[in-house]
Amino acid sequence: MIRFFHKYLSLIISIQLLLWTVSGIYFAFNKIELVRGEQYLLENQAEDLNLEEVEITFTAKNLSFIKRLDKWIIKAETDSGLIYSDLSGKKLEELDEEEAKEVVKRKTNLRPLEAFRIDNQEKRAEYRGRDLPLYKVTTSTSDDINVYVDAFSGAVTAIRSDSWRIWDFLWGAHIIDYRERDNINNFLLKFFSILALISALSGIALFFKTLKLRS
């Protein structure tokens, strides 16, 4: 009975066990820093900021100063959301397509091709979890690399390549969440984990039962 139960239970979960194994091997042999594209980022040179030029005309819970291309800007966290301004407190205009491409030139070692503005979040999108609006900047690479640039701060928020896309798919397979690829608390993961545990326990029981019969 144990042999029959273990045989068919293992058959049911064999595909998922294979996906867990393959994805685990891929994760182990690929550094997450390289998958994220950190090797394409250039080191920022430290530049002085003259605080005498700063004029704050609004109330903020948190302030940070960011170098956007050739100008320092202010990123302020307020009760109503994020505010971007120049040092005089004037509301900041968004980057345009050419400026987004210039950001990629200056902050990465990649060659930008085209820039596309993104306003809407999409499920499973490469840029998910990032604040919008963004610019998607395509680059001249064999790895189909896209660079995502914040439209206000000019920060490079994500670099996505084929290596990352493989990682992302395998991560979805690993946690059995093919829609969001973020939910590690989903029903299917719990279900197959319990089945895998039962399969392992039945396999151990079968081993000792066979060993006892042989003796």
Protein backbone atom coordinates (compact mmCIF):
# COMPACT_ATOMS: atom_id res chain seq x y z
CA MET A 1 0.00 0.00 0.00
CA ILE A 2 2.81 2.40 0.92
CA ARG A 3 4.63 1.56 -2.34
CA PHE A 4 1.48 2.25 -4.42
CA PHE A 5 0.78 5.50 -2.55
CA HIS A 6 4.38 6.74 -2.86
CA LYS A 7 4.59 5.82 -6.55
CA TYR A 8 1.57 7.81 -7.68
CA LEU A 9 2.08 10.68 -5.27
CA SER A 10 5.63 11.13 -6.59
CA LEU A 11 4.30 11.04 -10.14
CA ILE A 12 1.84 13.84 -9.36
CA ILE A 13 4.45 16.18 -7.91
CA SER A 14 7.40 15.14 -10.11
CA ILE A 15 7.03 18.07 -12.53
CA GLN A 16 6.96 20.62 -9.73
CA LEU A 17 9.89 18.91 -8.00
CA LEU A 18 11.80 19.18 -11.30
CA LEU A 19 10.96 22.90 -11.55
CA TRP A 20 12.10 23.45 -7.96
CA THR A 21 15.37 21.68 -8.73
CA VAL A 22 16.04 23.45 -12.05
CA SER A 23 15.21 26.88 -10.64
CA GLY A 24 17.28 26.22 -7.53
CA ILE A 25 20.29 25.30 -9.69
CA TYR A 26 19.85 28.46 -11.78
CA PHE A 27 19.65 30.63 -8.66
CA ALA A 28 22.75 28.98 -7.19
CA PHE A 29 24.90 29.48 -10.29
CA ASN A 30 23.85 33.07 -11.14
CA LYS A 31 24.70 35.99 -8.90
CA ILE A 32 21.65 38.14 -8.23
CA GLU A 33 23.76 41.31 -8.58
CA LEU A 34 24.60 40.36 -12.17
CA VAL A 35 21.02 39.33 -12.91
CA ARG A 36 19.89 42.79 -11.72
CA GLY A 37 22.38 44.39 -14.09
CA GLU A 38 24.49 46.13 -11.45
CA GLN A 39 27.59 45.49 -13.59
CA TYR A 40 26.26 48.00 -16.14
CA LEU A 41 26.05 50.88 -13.66
CA LEU A 42 28.84 53.46 -13.55
CA GLU A 43 30.20 54.76 -10.27
CA ASN A 44 28.91 58.20 -9.33
CA GLN A 45 31.49 60.84 -8.60
CA ALA A 46 30.91 62.77 -5.38
CA GLU A 47 29.90 66.39 -6.00
CA ASP A 48 29.44 69.19 -3.50
CA LEU A 49 26.06 70.77 -2.90
CA ASN A 50 25.81 74.38 -1.80
CA LEU A 51 23.03 74.36 0.81
CA GLU A 52 22.84 78.16 0.69
CA GLU A 53 21.05 77.80 -2.64
CA VAL A 54 18.27 75.67 -1.10
CA GLU A 55 14.87 77.25 -0.44
CA ILE A 56 12.13 75.01 0.95
CA THR A 57 8.64 76.39 0.40
CA PHE A 58 6.67 73.37 1.60
CA THR A 59 6.37 71.11 4.63
CA ALA A 60 8.04 67.72 4.26
CA LYS A 61 8.56 64.67 6.46
CA ASN A 62 11.73 63.69 4.67
CA LEU A 63 14.08 65.41 2.22
CA SER A 64 16.80 64.11 -0.06
CA PHE A 65 18.99 65.81 -2.64
CA ILE A 66 19.56 64.11 -6.00
CA LYS A 67 21.79 65.00 -8.92
CA ARG A 68 19.63 64.86 -12.06
CA LEU A 69 21.89 65.21 -15.08
CA ASP A 70 23.63 68.56 -14.43
CA LYS A 71 21.35 69.93 -11.71
CA TRP A 72 20.67 69.16 -8.07
CA ILE A 73 17.00 68.58 -7.27
CA ILE A 74 14.97 68.01 -4.11
CA LYS A 75 12.90 64.89 -3.45
CA ALA A 76 10.45 65.57 -0.63
CA GLU A 77 8.15 63.12 1.10
CA THR A 78 4.99 64.95 2.21
CA ASP A 79 1.61 63.96 3.61
CA SER A 80 0.14 64.20 0.11
CA GLY A 81 2.89 62.20 -1.59
CA LEU A 82 6.26 62.77 -3.23
CA ILE A 83 7.23 66.22 -4.48
CA TYR A 84 10.16 66.96 -6.78
CA SER A 85 11.48 70.50 -7.03
CA ASP A 86 14.58 72.44 -7.94
CA LEU A 87 16.71 74.00 -5.19
CA SER A 88 14.56 77.14 -5.19
CA GLY A 89 11.45 75.10 -4.37
CA LYS A 90 9.94 75.38 -7.87
CA LYS A 91 8.02 72.30 -8.98
CA LEU A 92 10.10 70.15 -11.28
CA GLU A 93 9.13 69.23 -14.82
CA GLU A 94 9.50 65.63 -15.98
CA LEU A 95 12.39 64.48 -18.09
CA ASP A 96 11.70 64.15 -21.80
CA GLU A 97 12.73 61.21 -23.98
CA GLU A 98 16.11 62.67 -24.94
CA GLU A 99 16.95 63.47 -21.32
CA ALA A 100 16.02 59.92 -20.27
CA LYS A 101 18.43 58.57 -22.88
CA GLU A 102 21.09 60.97 -21.63
CA VAL A 103 20.64 59.56 -18.11
CA VAL A 104 21.37 56.08 -19.45
CA LYS A 105 24.48 57.38 -21.23
CA ARG A 106 25.82 58.96 -18.06
CA LYS A 107 24.84 56.37 -15.47
CA THR A 108 25.50 53.12 -17.36
CA ASN A 109 27.97 51.72 -19.87
CA LEU A 110 25.10 50.90 -22.25
CA ARG A 111 24.21 52.68 -25.50
CA PRO A 112 20.59 53.92 -25.48
CA LEU A 113 18.41 53.62 -28.57
CA GLU A 114 14.85 54.75 -27.86
CA ALA A 115 12.88 55.94 -24.84
CA PHE A 116 9.21 55.19 -24.14
CA ARG A 117 7.13 56.76 -21.38
CA ILE A 118 5.20 54.39 -19.07
CA ASP A 119 2.21 55.60 -17.05
CA ASN A 120 0.33 52.41 -16.12
CA GLN A 121 1.31 49.44 -13.96
CA GLU A 122 0.97 46.05 -15.61
CA LYS A 123 1.04 42.61 -14.05
CA ARG A 124 4.34 40.75 -14.51
CA ALA A 125 5.89 43.88 -16.04
CA GLU A 126 9.65 44.20 -15.82
CA TYR A 127 9.26 47.47 -13.94
CA ARG A 128 6.66 46.28 -11.42
CA GLY A 129 7.03 47.74 -7.96
CA ARG A 130 8.59 50.98 -9.28
CA ASP A 131 6.98 54.39 -8.98
CA LEU A 132 5.44 55.78 -12.16
CA PRO A 133 5.89 57.54 -14.49
CA LEU A 134 8.97 55.82 -15.89
CA TYR A 135 10.91 55.81 -19.09
CA LYS A 136 11.79 52.50 -20.68
CA VAL A 137 15.04 53.00 -22.56
CA THR A 138 16.04 50.28 -25.01
CA THR A 139 19.73 49.67 -25.58
CA SER A 140 22.03 48.26 -28.24
CA THR A 141 22.88 44.90 -26.68
CA SER A 142 22.64 41.22 -27.56
CA ASP A 143 20.98 40.54 -24.19
CA ASP A 144 17.93 42.74 -25.02
CA ILE A 145 18.57 45.08 -22.10
CA ASN A 146 16.01 47.69 -21.07
CA VAL A 147 16.85 50.45 -18.59
CA TYR A 148 14.04 52.02 -16.55
CA VAL A 149 14.50 55.66 -15.56
CA ASP A 150 12.35 57.59 -13.08
CA ALA A 151 10.73 60.44 -15.01
CA PHE A 152 11.21 62.93 -12.16
CA SER A 153 14.36 61.99 -10.26
CA GLY A 154 16.29 60.62 -13.23
CA ALA A 155 17.30 57.60 -11.15
CA VAL A 156 17.92 54.27 -12.85
CA THR A 157 15.32 52.16 -11.05
CA ALA A 158 15.81 48.84 -12.88
CA ILE A 159 17.92 47.15 -15.54
CA ARG A 160 16.27 44.17 -17.21
CA SER A 161 17.97 41.64 -19.47
CA ASP A 162 17.27 38.14 -20.78
CA SER A 163 19.10 36.78 -17.73
CA TRP A 164 16.68 38.62 -15.46
CA ARG A 165 13.67 37.42 -17.49
CA ILE A 166 14.79 33.80 -17.11
CA TRP A 167 15.31 34.39 -13.39
CA ASP A 168 11.87 35.99 -13.09
CA PHE A 169 10.12 33.10 -14.87
CA LEU A 170 11.95 30.49 -12.79
CA TRP A 171 11.16 32.42 -9.61
CA GLY A 172 7.47 32.31 -10.57
CA ALA A 173 7.81 28.56 -11.15
CA HIS A 174 9.68 28.15 -7.87
CA ILE A 175 6.97 29.80 -5.77
CA ILE A 176 4.17 28.63 -8.14
CA ASP A 177 2.92 32.15 -8.75
CA TYR A 178 2.83 32.78 -12.48
CA ARG A 179 0.61 35.86 -12.28
CA GLU A 180 2.24 38.26 -9.84
CA ARG A 181 5.50 36.31 -9.26
CA ASP A 182 5.70 37.88 -5.82
CA ASN A 183 3.28 35.97 -3.60
CA ILE A 184 5.15 33.34 -1.60
CA ASN A 185 2.09 32.70 0.54
CA ASN A 186 -0.16 31.27 -2.18
CA PHE A 187 -2.29 28.11 -1.95
CA LEU A 188 -0.49 26.12 -4.65
CA LEU A 189 2.90 26.54 -3.00
CA LYS A 190 1.51 25.35 0.32
CA PHE A 191 -0.33 22.45 -1.36
CA PHE A 192 2.67 21.13 -3.30
CA SER A 193 4.99 21.65 -0.33
CA ILE A 194 2.74 19.45 1.80
CA LEU A 195 2.56 16.83 -0.98
CA ALA A 196 6.37 16.88 -1.29
CA LEU A 197 6.68 16.37 2.48
CA ILE A 198 4.23 13.46 2.40
CA SER A 199 6.10 11.95 -0.55
CA ALA A 200 9.41 12.20 1.31
CA LEU A 201 7.95 10.65 4.46
CA SER A 202 6.32 7.83 2.52
CA GLY A 203 9.63 7.21 0.72
CA ILE A 204 11.45 6.92 4.06
CA ALA A 205 8.73 4.61 5.40
CA LEU A 206 8.99 2.48 2.25
CA PHE A 207 12.77 2.24 2.62
CA PHE A 208 12.58 0.96 6.19
CA LYS A 209 9.72 -1.39 5.32
CA THR A 210 11.75 -2.89 2.45
CA LEU A 211 14.82 -3.10 4.70
CA LYS A 212 12.80 -4.95 7.34
CA LEU A 213 11.42 -7.44 4.80
CA ARG A 214 14.93 -8.18 3.48
CA SER A 215 16.20 -8.90 6.98
